[in-house]
Protein backbone atom coordinates (compact mmCIF):
# COMPACT_ATOMS: atom_id res chain seq x y z
CA MET A 1 -105.59 91.82 -39.04
CA PRO A 2 -107.79 93.95 -36.74
CA ALA A 3 -106.16 96.75 -34.79
CA ASP A 4 -104.65 96.10 -31.35
CA PRO A 5 -107.42 96.71 -28.70
CA SER A 6 -104.93 98.64 -26.63
CA GLN A 7 -104.47 101.37 -29.24
CA THR A 8 -106.66 104.47 -29.58
CA LEU A 9 -108.85 105.21 -32.53
CA LEU A 10 -107.82 108.55 -34.12
CA LEU A 11 -110.79 110.73 -35.17
CA GLY A 12 -109.05 114.06 -35.90
CA GLY A 13 -106.70 116.71 -34.70
CA ASN A 14 -105.17 120.16 -35.08
CA ALA A 15 -101.74 121.71 -34.97
CA HIS A 16 -101.55 121.10 -31.22
CA ILE A 17 -103.44 117.96 -30.35
CA SER A 18 -105.04 114.74 -31.66
CA VAL A 19 -108.29 113.34 -30.42
CA SER A 20 -108.91 109.61 -30.27
CA LEU A 21 -111.47 107.14 -29.00
CA VAL A 22 -110.28 104.72 -26.29
CA PRO A 23 -111.54 101.25 -27.26
CA CYS A 24 -112.58 100.36 -23.74
CA MET A 25 -114.68 103.49 -23.58
CA VAL A 26 -116.51 102.98 -26.86
CA ASN A 27 -119.38 101.28 -25.10
CA ARG A 28 -119.93 104.40 -22.97
CA HIS A 29 -121.99 105.57 -26.00
CA GLY A 30 -121.83 108.79 -27.94
CA LEU A 31 -123.41 111.64 -29.91
CA VAL A 32 -122.60 112.80 -33.42
CA ALA A 33 -124.50 116.10 -34.14
CA GLY A 34 -124.57 118.82 -36.69
CA ALA A 35 -126.57 120.44 -39.43
CA THR A 36 -127.15 118.82 -42.77
CA GLY A 37 -124.03 118.94 -45.03
CA THR A 38 -121.50 119.59 -42.28
CA GLY A 39 -119.68 116.16 -42.46
CA LYS A 40 -121.59 113.85 -40.15
CA THR A 41 -121.64 111.00 -42.73
CA ILE A 42 -117.88 111.04 -43.19
CA THR A 43 -117.52 111.07 -39.39
CA LEU A 44 -119.75 107.96 -39.16
CA GLN A 45 -117.71 106.30 -41.94
CA VAL A 46 -114.48 106.95 -40.09
CA MET A 47 -115.84 105.63 -36.81
CA ALA A 48 -117.54 102.55 -38.34
CA GLN A 49 -114.33 101.55 -40.14
CA ALA A 50 -112.23 102.08 -37.03
CA PHE A 51 -114.56 99.82 -35.05
CA SER A 52 -114.44 97.26 -37.87
CA ASP A 53 -110.67 97.26 -37.89
CA LEU A 54 -110.73 96.76 -34.16
CA GLY A 55 -112.84 93.61 -34.77
CA VAL A 56 -116.12 95.15 -33.66
CA PRO A 57 -119.22 94.54 -35.89
CA VAL A 58 -121.50 97.62 -36.28
CA LEU A 59 -124.86 98.51 -37.82
CA VAL A 60 -125.27 101.82 -39.57
CA PRO A 61 -128.51 103.06 -41.22
CA ASP A 62 -128.04 104.61 -44.62
CA ILE A 63 -130.83 107.15 -45.18
CA LYS A 64 -129.38 109.20 -47.88
CA GLY A 65 -127.82 106.30 -49.80
CA ASP A 66 -124.28 107.68 -49.62
CA PHE A 67 -122.72 105.41 -46.95
CA SER A 68 -122.02 102.38 -49.16
CA GLY A 69 -118.58 103.64 -50.12
CA ILE A 70 -117.25 102.06 -46.97
CA ALA A 71 -117.32 98.78 -48.88
CA LYS A 72 -114.74 100.00 -51.41
CA PRO A 73 -111.16 101.27 -50.91
CA GLY A 74 -110.93 105.06 -51.45
CA VAL A 75 -108.66 106.95 -53.80
CA MET A 76 -105.92 108.51 -51.63
CA SER A 77 -105.34 111.80 -53.43
CA ASP A 78 -102.60 114.22 -52.47
CA LYS A 79 -105.13 116.44 -50.78
CA LEU A 80 -106.40 113.61 -48.60
CA GLN A 81 -102.88 112.57 -47.70
CA GLN A 82 -102.14 116.19 -46.66
CA ARG A 83 -105.38 116.18 -44.56
CA ALA A 84 -104.27 112.89 -42.95
CA ALA A 85 -100.84 114.28 -42.12
CA SER A 86 -102.37 117.50 -40.67
CA VAL A 87 -104.34 115.55 -38.10
CA GLY A 88 -101.35 113.44 -37.08
CA LEU A 89 -102.28 110.35 -39.04
CA GLY A 90 -99.28 110.16 -41.30
CA ALA A 91 -99.62 108.32 -44.66
CA ILE A 92 -102.98 106.69 -45.18
CA THR A 93 -103.51 103.39 -47.10
CA ALA A 94 -106.69 102.90 -49.03
CA ALA A 95 -108.90 100.16 -47.52
CA SER A 96 -112.49 98.96 -47.43
CA ALA A 97 -114.49 97.34 -44.65
CA PRO A 98 -116.33 93.97 -44.85
CA THR A 99 -119.86 94.97 -45.53
CA VAL A 100 -123.33 93.34 -45.47
CA PHE A 101 -126.28 95.25 -47.00
CA TRP A 102 -129.83 94.96 -45.64
CA ASP A 103 -133.04 96.31 -46.99
CA VAL A 104 -136.63 95.79 -45.79
CA HIS A 105 -137.80 95.92 -49.36
CA GLY A 106 -135.04 93.48 -50.56
CA GLU A 107 -134.09 95.91 -53.36
CA HIS A 108 -130.59 97.12 -52.16
CA GLY A 109 -129.71 94.38 -49.74
CA HIS A 110 -130.73 91.06 -48.14
CA PRO A 111 -134.38 91.25 -47.05
CA LEU A 112 -134.67 92.28 -43.47
CA ARG A 113 -137.77 90.70 -41.80
CA LEU A 114 -139.02 90.45 -38.26
CA THR A 115 -141.93 88.47 -36.82
CA ILE A 116 -144.84 90.05 -35.08
CA SER A 117 -143.88 88.08 -31.98
CA ASP A 118 -140.32 89.37 -32.12
CA PHE A 119 -141.51 92.95 -32.35
CA GLY A 120 -143.84 92.69 -29.36
CA PRO A 121 -146.97 94.70 -28.43
CA LEU A 122 -145.16 97.78 -27.08
CA MET A 123 -143.27 98.63 -30.23
CA LEU A 124 -146.08 97.40 -32.45
CA ALA A 125 -148.46 99.84 -30.78
CA ARG A 126 -145.93 102.64 -31.38
CA LEU A 127 -145.57 101.59 -35.02
CA LEU A 128 -149.29 101.72 -35.53
CA ASN A 129 -149.65 104.96 -33.55
CA LEU A 130 -152.30 103.51 -31.21
CA ASN A 131 -153.69 105.19 -28.15
CA GLU A 132 -153.54 103.70 -24.67
CA THR A 133 -156.83 101.75 -24.94
CA GLN A 134 -155.94 100.34 -28.33
CA SER A 135 -152.46 99.43 -27.10
CA GLY A 136 -154.20 97.44 -24.28
CA VAL A 137 -156.12 95.43 -26.86
CA LEU A 138 -152.80 94.51 -28.54
CA GLN A 139 -151.56 93.37 -25.15
CA ILE A 140 -154.61 91.12 -24.78
CA LEU A 141 -154.20 89.80 -28.36
CA PHE A 142 -150.59 88.74 -27.57
CA ARG A 143 -151.64 87.14 -24.32
CA VAL A 144 -154.45 85.12 -26.00
CA ALA A 145 -152.03 83.92 -28.72
CA ASP A 146 -149.43 83.01 -26.02
CA ASP A 147 -151.96 81.02 -23.94
CA ASN A 148 -153.12 79.11 -26.98
CA GLY A 149 -149.59 78.49 -28.34
CA TRP A 150 -150.36 80.30 -31.58
CA LEU A 151 -147.43 81.90 -33.39
CA LEU A 152 -147.71 85.48 -34.63
CA LEU A 153 -145.42 85.77 -37.55
CA ASP A 154 -146.88 88.27 -40.13
CA LEU A 155 -149.65 90.75 -40.66
CA LYS A 156 -152.21 88.06 -41.66
CA ASP A 157 -151.74 86.40 -38.25
CA LEU A 158 -152.38 89.73 -36.55
CA ARG A 159 -155.54 90.30 -38.56
CA ALA A 160 -156.78 86.75 -37.91
CA MET A 161 -156.22 87.29 -34.17
CA LEU A 162 -158.07 90.66 -34.28
CA SER A 163 -161.08 89.00 -35.84
CA HIS A 164 -160.84 86.10 -33.33
CA ILE A 165 -160.92 88.34 -30.24
CA ASN A 166 -163.60 90.40 -31.81
CA GLU A 167 -165.82 87.29 -32.28
CA GLN A 168 -164.92 86.07 -28.79
CA ARG A 169 -165.23 89.38 -26.88
CA THR A 170 -167.86 87.97 -24.49
CA GLU A 171 -165.64 85.08 -23.42
CA ILE A 172 -162.36 86.99 -23.52
CA GLY A 173 -163.51 90.03 -21.47
CA PRO A 174 -163.91 88.39 -18.05
CA ARG A 175 -160.52 86.68 -18.28
CA TYR A 176 -158.30 89.20 -20.08
CA GLY A 177 -160.18 92.50 -20.01
CA ASN A 178 -162.82 94.21 -22.05
CA VAL A 179 -162.31 94.51 -25.83
CA SER A 180 -164.46 96.98 -27.80
CA ALA A 181 -165.30 96.69 -31.42
CA ALA A 182 -164.26 100.29 -31.93
CA SER A 183 -160.67 99.53 -30.72
CA ILE A 184 -160.51 96.54 -33.06
CA GLY A 185 -161.67 98.71 -35.94
CA ALA A 186 -159.07 101.33 -35.12
CA ILE A 187 -156.22 98.79 -35.12
CA GLN A 188 -157.46 97.39 -38.37
CA ARG A 189 -157.44 100.78 -39.99
CA ALA A 190 -153.90 101.34 -38.65
CA LEU A 191 -152.86 98.09 -40.27
CA LEU A 192 -154.32 99.13 -43.62
CA ASN A 193 -152.36 102.35 -43.40
CA LEU A 194 -149.17 100.33 -42.61
CA ASP A 195 -149.90 98.18 -45.68
CA ASN A 196 -150.09 101.32 -47.84
CA GLN A 197 -146.61 102.25 -46.60
CA GLY A 198 -145.20 98.90 -47.49
CA GLY A 199 -145.23 97.52 -43.97
CA GLU A 200 -146.09 93.97 -45.16
CA LYS A 201 -142.46 93.63 -46.27
CA LEU A 202 -141.21 94.09 -42.71
CA PHE A 203 -143.00 91.10 -41.12
CA GLY A 204 -142.54 87.46 -41.96
CA GLU A 205 -140.01 84.68 -42.11
CA PRO A 206 -137.22 83.84 -42.34
CA ALA A 207 -136.64 86.56 -39.73
CA VAL A 208 -133.17 87.96 -39.03
CA THR A 209 -131.26 86.92 -35.98
CA LEU A 210 -128.84 88.74 -33.78
CA GLU A 211 -126.07 86.51 -34.87
CA ASP A 212 -126.48 87.77 -38.46
CA PHE A 213 -125.34 91.26 -37.41
CA MET A 214 -122.52 90.17 -35.10
CA GLN A 215 -120.12 88.62 -37.64
CA THR A 216 -116.41 89.09 -38.31
CA ASP A 217 -114.57 88.19 -41.53
CA GLU A 218 -111.70 85.76 -41.93
CA GLN A 219 -109.21 88.57 -41.01
CA GLY A 220 -110.94 89.26 -37.75
CA ARG A 221 -112.48 92.51 -38.81
CA GLY A 222 -116.02 93.36 -37.74
CA VAL A 223 -118.67 93.35 -40.35
CA VAL A 224 -120.30 96.76 -41.13
CA ASN A 225 -124.01 96.05 -41.49
CA ILE A 226 -125.63 98.86 -43.64
CA LEU A 227 -129.42 99.13 -43.45
CA HIS A 228 -130.41 100.78 -46.65
CA ALA A 229 -133.28 102.99 -45.40
CA ALA A 230 -133.89 105.68 -48.00
CA ARG A 231 -137.26 104.37 -49.05
CA LEU A 232 -138.17 103.08 -45.57
CA TYR A 233 -137.35 106.48 -43.94
CA ARG A 234 -139.38 108.29 -46.63
CA ASP A 235 -142.48 106.08 -46.56
CA SER A 236 -142.55 105.01 -42.94
CA PRO A 237 -140.25 106.83 -40.54
CA LEU A 238 -141.89 104.95 -37.63
CA ALA A 239 -141.03 101.64 -39.13
CA TYR A 240 -137.39 102.76 -39.62
CA SER A 241 -136.96 103.86 -36.04
CA SER A 242 -138.87 100.81 -34.77
CA ILE A 243 -136.40 98.43 -36.44
CA LEU A 244 -133.54 100.10 -34.55
CA LEU A 245 -135.43 99.93 -31.34
CA TRP A 246 -136.06 96.23 -31.88
CA LEU A 247 -132.32 95.64 -32.41
CA LEU A 248 -131.44 97.67 -29.28
CA SER A 249 -133.99 95.56 -27.31
CA GLU A 250 -132.70 92.34 -28.80
CA LEU A 251 -129.11 93.11 -27.94
CA PHE A 252 -130.12 93.96 -24.41
CA GLU A 253 -132.25 90.86 -23.95
CA GLN A 254 -130.01 88.27 -25.52
CA LEU A 255 -126.45 89.24 -24.77
CA PRO A 256 -124.98 88.18 -21.33
CA GLU A 257 -123.42 90.54 -18.89
CA VAL A 258 -119.69 90.86 -19.57
CA GLY A 259 -118.59 93.80 -17.43
CA ASP A 260 -115.73 95.99 -18.66
CA LEU A 261 -114.08 94.75 -21.85
CA ASP A 262 -111.06 96.06 -23.69
CA LYS A 263 -113.37 96.74 -26.64
CA PRO A 264 -117.10 96.52 -27.27
CA ARG A 265 -118.81 93.45 -28.81
CA PHE A 266 -121.13 95.59 -31.02
CA VAL A 267 -121.83 99.18 -31.88
CA LEU A 268 -125.24 100.48 -33.01
CA PHE A 269 -125.76 103.85 -34.72
CA PHE A 270 -129.09 105.59 -34.54
CA ASP A 271 -129.29 108.03 -37.43
CA GLU A 272 -131.99 110.72 -37.39
CA ALA A 273 -132.27 109.99 -33.70
CA HIS A 274 -135.13 112.61 -33.20
CA LEU A 275 -137.48 109.93 -34.75
CA LEU A 276 -136.98 107.68 -31.67
CA PHE A 277 -138.36 110.27 -29.31
CA ALA A 278 -140.85 112.30 -31.27
CA ASP A 279 -144.47 111.52 -30.18
CA THR A 280 -143.19 108.43 -28.27
CA PRO A 281 -145.02 107.47 -25.14
CA LYS A 282 -143.10 108.29 -21.95
CA SER A 283 -143.26 104.69 -20.92
CA LEU A 284 -141.27 103.69 -24.00
CA VAL A 285 -138.82 106.63 -23.58
CA ASP A 286 -138.25 105.48 -20.07
CA ARG A 287 -137.55 101.95 -21.34
CA ILE A 288 -134.99 103.26 -23.95
CA GLU A 289 -133.31 105.24 -21.18
CA GLN A 290 -133.02 102.18 -19.01
CA VAL A 291 -131.71 100.00 -21.88
CA VAL A 292 -129.11 102.65 -22.88
CA ARG A 293 -128.01 102.90 -19.31
CA LEU A 294 -127.65 99.14 -18.74
CA ILE A 295 -126.54 97.83 -22.16
CA ARG A 296 -123.00 99.04 -21.87
CA SER A 297 -122.48 96.20 -19.32
CA LYS A 298 -123.23 93.82 -22.19
CA GLY A 299 -120.48 95.28 -24.34
CA VAL A 300 -122.65 97.32 -26.63
CA GLY A 301 -121.97 100.90 -27.66
CA VAL A 302 -124.89 103.16 -28.87
CA TYR A 303 -124.27 106.24 -30.91
CA PHE A 304 -127.03 108.73 -31.59
CA VAL A 305 -126.79 110.79 -34.79
CA THR A 306 -128.89 113.90 -35.12
CA GLN A 307 -128.83 117.54 -36.06
CA SER A 308 -129.18 118.95 -32.64
CA PRO A 309 -128.50 117.68 -29.11
CA LEU A 310 -131.99 118.94 -28.24
CA ASP A 311 -133.41 115.99 -30.23
CA VAL A 312 -132.24 113.61 -27.50
CA PRO A 313 -133.92 113.60 -24.07
CA GLU A 314 -131.64 114.93 -21.26
CA SER A 315 -131.92 111.66 -19.39
CA ILE A 316 -130.28 109.82 -22.33
CA LEU A 317 -128.05 112.74 -23.41
CA GLY A 318 -126.29 112.59 -20.01
CA GLN A 319 -125.27 109.00 -20.71
CA LEU A 320 -123.41 109.79 -23.99
CA GLY A 321 -119.79 110.25 -22.99
CA ASN A 322 -118.17 110.60 -26.43
CA ARG A 323 -119.23 113.75 -28.27
CA VAL A 324 -118.62 114.94 -31.84
CA GLN A 325 -120.37 118.26 -32.69
CA HIS A 326 -120.31 119.53 -36.25
CA ALA A 327 -121.60 123.00 -37.20
CA LEU A 328 -124.98 124.31 -36.19
CA ARG A 329 -126.68 127.37 -37.62
CA ALA A 330 -128.26 130.01 -35.44
CA PHE A 331 -130.77 131.73 -37.67
CA THR A 332 -133.73 131.54 -35.32
CA PRO A 333 -134.33 131.58 -31.51
CA LYS A 334 -134.79 127.82 -31.55
CA ASP A 335 -131.47 127.43 -33.36
CA GLN A 336 -129.76 129.73 -30.90
CA LYS A 337 -131.13 127.63 -28.00
CA ALA A 338 -129.72 124.52 -29.66
CA VAL A 339 -126.28 126.11 -30.01
CA ARG A 340 -126.29 127.06 -26.36
CA SER A 341 -127.44 123.66 -25.33
CA ALA A 342 -124.69 121.97 -27.44
CA ALA A 343 -122.01 124.24 -25.99
CA GLN A 344 -123.15 123.39 -22.39
CA THR A 345 -122.82 119.63 -22.87
CA PHE A 346 -118.99 119.79 -23.33
CA ARG A 347 -116.35 119.90 -20.65
CA SER A 348 -115.09 123.49 -20.96
CA ASN A 349 -111.83 124.56 -22.46
CA PRO A 350 -110.57 127.98 -21.35
CA ALA A 351 -108.87 128.47 -24.63
CA LEU A 352 -112.06 127.94 -26.69
CA ASN A 353 -115.33 129.84 -26.94
CA VAL A 354 -117.51 126.85 -27.69
CA GLU A 355 -120.80 128.61 -28.36
CA GLN A 356 -119.17 130.84 -30.96
CA ALA A 357 -117.07 128.05 -32.50
CA ILE A 358 -120.18 125.83 -33.17
CA THR A 359 -121.52 128.36 -35.69
CA GLU A 360 -118.11 128.90 -37.38
CA LEU A 361 -117.09 125.26 -37.99
CA ALA A 362 -116.26 124.41 -41.60
CA VAL A 363 -117.38 121.24 -43.29
CA GLY A 364 -115.37 118.33 -41.91
CA GLU A 365 -114.44 120.29 -38.77
CA ALA A 366 -115.89 119.51 -35.36
CA LEU A 367 -115.83 120.08 -31.67
CA VAL A 368 -114.81 116.83 -29.96
CA SER A 369 -114.76 115.64 -26.39
CA LEU A 370 -114.05 111.96 -25.71
CA LEU A 371 -113.70 109.78 -22.59
CA ASP A 372 -110.09 109.06 -21.49
CA GLU A 373 -108.88 105.72 -20.16
CA LYS A 374 -110.47 106.48 -16.75
CA GLY A 375 -113.86 107.43 -18.23
CA VAL A 376 -113.38 111.19 -17.65
CA PRO A 377 -114.51 113.56 -20.49
CA THR A 378 -111.59 115.44 -22.07
CA PRO A 379 -111.71 119.20 -22.56
CA VAL A 380 -113.46 120.02 -25.80
CA GLN A 381 -111.16 120.58 -28.79
CA ARG A 382 -111.74 122.12 -32.22
CA VAL A 383 -110.33 119.70 -34.74
CA LEU A 384 -110.27 118.61 -38.40
CA MET A 385 -111.77 115.17 -38.82
CA ARG A 386 -109.52 112.60 -40.42
CA PRO A 387 -110.35 111.34 -43.89
CA PRO A 388 -111.61 107.72 -44.32
CA ALA A 389 -109.57 105.03 -45.95
CA SER A 390 -112.64 103.84 -47.84
CA GLN A 391 -114.41 105.56 -50.65
CA MET A 392 -116.33 108.78 -49.86
CA GLY A 393 -119.68 108.62 -51.69
CA PRO A 394 -121.76 105.65 -52.84
CA ILE A 395 -120.64 102.59 -54.83
CA THR A 396 -122.45 101.69 -58.01
CA ASP A 397 -125.45 99.39 -58.23
CA GLN A 398 -123.36 96.81 -59.94
CA GLU A 399 -120.76 96.88 -57.16
CA ARG A 400 -123.46 96.62 -54.53
CA ALA A 401 -125.07 93.67 -56.37
CA ALA A 402 -121.69 91.82 -56.50
CA ILE A 403 -121.18 92.26 -52.76
CA ILE A 404 -124.63 91.01 -51.97
CA ALA A 405 -124.16 87.92 -54.24
CA ASP A 406 -120.82 87.11 -52.55
CA SER A 407 -122.16 87.55 -49.00
CA VAL A 408 -122.27 84.49 -46.69
CA LEU A 409 -125.95 85.35 -46.24
CA ALA A 410 -126.66 85.23 -50.01
CA GLY A 411 -129.85 83.11 -50.53
CA VAL A 412 -130.68 82.78 -46.83
CA TYR A 413 -133.33 85.44 -46.67
CA GLU A 414 -134.33 85.97 -50.34
CA LYS A 415 -137.06 83.32 -50.31
CA GLU A 416 -140.01 83.95 -48.01
CA VAL A 417 -141.36 81.08 -45.83
CA ASP A 418 -144.93 80.75 -44.54
CA ARG A 419 -145.22 78.18 -41.88
CA GLU A 420 -148.34 77.32 -39.78
CA SER A 421 -149.18 80.13 -37.39
CA ALA A 422 -152.27 81.88 -35.95
CA TYR A 423 -153.87 82.54 -39.32
CA GLU A 424 -153.71 78.89 -40.47
CA ILE A 425 -154.82 77.56 -37.12
CA LEU A 426 -157.87 79.88 -36.94
CA GLN A 427 -158.79 79.21 -40.58
CA ALA A 428 -158.76 75.41 -39.79
CA GLN A 429 -160.83 75.97 -36.69
CA ALA A 430 -163.40 77.85 -38.69
CA ALA A 431 -163.53 75.10 -41.38
CA ARG A 432 -164.03 72.46 -38.71
CA ALA A 433 -166.73 74.50 -36.96
CA LEU A 434 -168.56 74.89 -40.34
CA SER A 435 -168.27 71.13 -41.03
CA GLU A 436 -169.50 70.14 -37.53
CA GLU A 437 -172.33 72.65 -37.76
CA THR A 438 -173.44 71.18 -41.09
CA ALA A 439 -173.27 67.58 -39.78
CA GLN A 440 -175.22 68.49 -36.67
CA THR A 441 -177.83 70.18 -38.70
CA ARG A 442 -178.31 67.04 -40.86
CA THR A 443 -178.62 64.88 -37.77
CA GLN A 444 -181.18 67.14 -36.28
CA LYS A 445 -183.21 67.24 -39.47
CA GLN A 446 -183.18 63.42 -39.72
CA ALA A 447 -184.23 63.11 -36.07
CA LYS A 448 -187.07 65.55 -36.56
CA ALA A 449 -188.27 63.70 -39.63
CA GLU A 450 -188.28 60.33 -37.79
CA SER A 451 -190.05 61.85 -34.84
CA ALA A 452 -192.70 63.44 -37.12
CA SER A 453 -193.53 60.11 -38.69
CA ARG A 454 -194.13 58.43 -35.23
CA THR A 455 -196.20 61.08 -33.52
CA SER A 456 -199.58 62.68 -33.82
CA ARG A 457 -200.39 65.78 -35.76
CA GLY A 458 -200.33 67.84 -32.51
CA SER A 459 -196.88 66.46 -31.64
CA ARG A 460 -195.73 67.28 -35.14
CA GLN A 461 -196.94 70.84 -34.75
CA SER A 462 -195.04 71.11 -31.47
CA THR A 463 -192.00 69.67 -33.03
CA SER A 464 -192.38 72.06 -35.92
CA LYS A 465 -192.15 75.03 -33.60
CA GLN A 466 -189.09 73.63 -31.86
CA SER A 467 -187.46 72.87 -35.21
CA THR A 468 -187.97 76.45 -36.21
CA TRP A 469 -185.75 77.62 -33.33
CA VAL A 470 -183.21 74.88 -34.05
CA ASP A 471 -183.07 75.95 -37.66
CA MET A 472 -182.66 79.59 -36.67
CA ALA A 473 -179.81 78.63 -34.31
CA SER A 474 -178.23 76.47 -36.95
CA SER A 475 -178.49 79.26 -39.55
CA ILE A 476 -176.84 81.74 -37.22
CA GLY A 477 -174.02 79.33 -36.52
CA ARG A 478 -173.48 78.59 -40.16
CA SER A 479 -173.64 82.24 -41.11
CA ALA A 480 -170.92 83.12 -38.51
CA ALA A 481 -168.69 80.24 -39.45
CA ARG A 482 -169.06 80.92 -43.18
CA ALA A 483 -168.23 84.64 -42.66
CA PHE A 484 -165.14 83.68 -40.82
CA GLY A 485 -164.12 80.92 -43.13
CA THR A 486 -164.77 82.64 -46.47
CA GLN A 487 -165.33 86.39 -46.54
CA LEU A 488 -162.93 87.16 -43.71
CA GLY A 489 -160.45 84.68 -45.24
CA ARG A 490 -160.43 86.74 -48.43
CA GLN A 491 -159.87 89.93 -46.48
CA ILE A 492 -156.90 88.39 -44.69
CA LEU A 493 -155.42 87.18 -48.01
CA ARG A 494 -155.65 90.65 -49.34
CA GLY A 495 -153.66 91.79 -46.30
CA VAL A 496 -150.84 89.38 -47.35
CA LEU A 497 -150.15 91.65 -50.40
CA GLY A 498 -149.60 94.46 -48.08
CA SER A 499 -140.52 92.98 -27.53
CA LEU A 500 -141.67 91.80 -25.39
CA LYS A 501 -139.96 88.82 -27.06
CA SER A 502 -140.33 85.39 -25.69
CA ALA A 503 -139.28 81.88 -26.78
CA GLU A 504 -142.93 80.85 -26.84
CA ARG A 505 -143.80 83.57 -29.32
CA LYS A 506 -140.81 83.00 -31.57
CA GLY A 507 -141.50 79.25 -31.64
CA VAL A 508 -139.01 76.49 -32.63
CA LYS A 509 -137.26 77.04 -35.86
């Protein structure tokens, strides 16, 4: 059974004090920081399993591939038992957490897909690294699709819409705003780059839903969703951070206001948090700040995981009430600045030189300041972090495959679906236009032939001149329709191999 919501969640301790998270303060967000190899992954494992035992589902990205051990009971050696006793935990029993694995590439978990409409123009522009003008074109593209009731599900829909608004620039401009061919070309090149990074795997159907992440098992424990992101992080860091931003936005948009709860409804971890803010437009950073500030009223806790507190903007850092700081190194002036910044974020403890301690912390040791029952930060303490009940280090590929096969989501996302959307609709329109143009041309030719047989030679000459212009117009129309219906179609099909969320965009499923 899950833990009693009234109890605290022990994170660590020393000879004099224990430090624990208060469940009703978990949704006041937090920061886990420290240099590589100082113990952040184990801290995340301890926190995620504590939330799961409390009945709270979580999502944790696994960038290094070593977080999967939470799905298997650990081996409680004498050394770990001694560590548990030293932090005030007493005897520790080996236990796992219910786990669901996700992977954009479908190799180490259930395929994780989103639709273009779910993603929205703001985050899509960030993913494609577009400038302000090009981002405006994406806004127009989404608006045109909405006004016509065309679904945007995958990259071929996006390409078809780009070609459509390029062909219709003259008509679209007065109503929606000017669209330049140069901007269209820049977006198409960005899509090609995304294809080369494997981005085609990210978009399509069936798309994940929020309910998939917010599950509990039959014992009432929250499911630990692990996003396997080693390849994704390596090949497309922007895609990795954009997925987490999408989930944050989805939680904010869909969950109702619930006020203060005795425990959160969901906890989201942002590993490598610096990626969320590096080269991110200020408008998007402002939106993230607003969401982080407001989402706690919806029962969601957000925990940023990074090497240095300087990686997180001050406007967001100030909202992170629960702090765990592992060791930082002070080899350079920038490192020294990070150490000073980290020390200044804690509530002071007269008995502790925080700035000095940060550089002296051993692996598995941390400076911790958490919110008490009244939401007041506790004085910073230097503590040993408690050991996890689950396995430290990754499980085997065979163990992972067995968990995936036994999941309640097994088979739900493995087969891709391609329903009618913008690409199919525009292709059909092009085919109809070509057919109508061909029929019209035949009718015109027949009319000209009949007219020629009834009129004089002079009339026939006049008609001949007129027919020349008709033939030219018909030829241009046929050429445009054929280019859209055949050559462009092949380009779009090649793309298949490589939010501003709304119900209209998502469509009825």
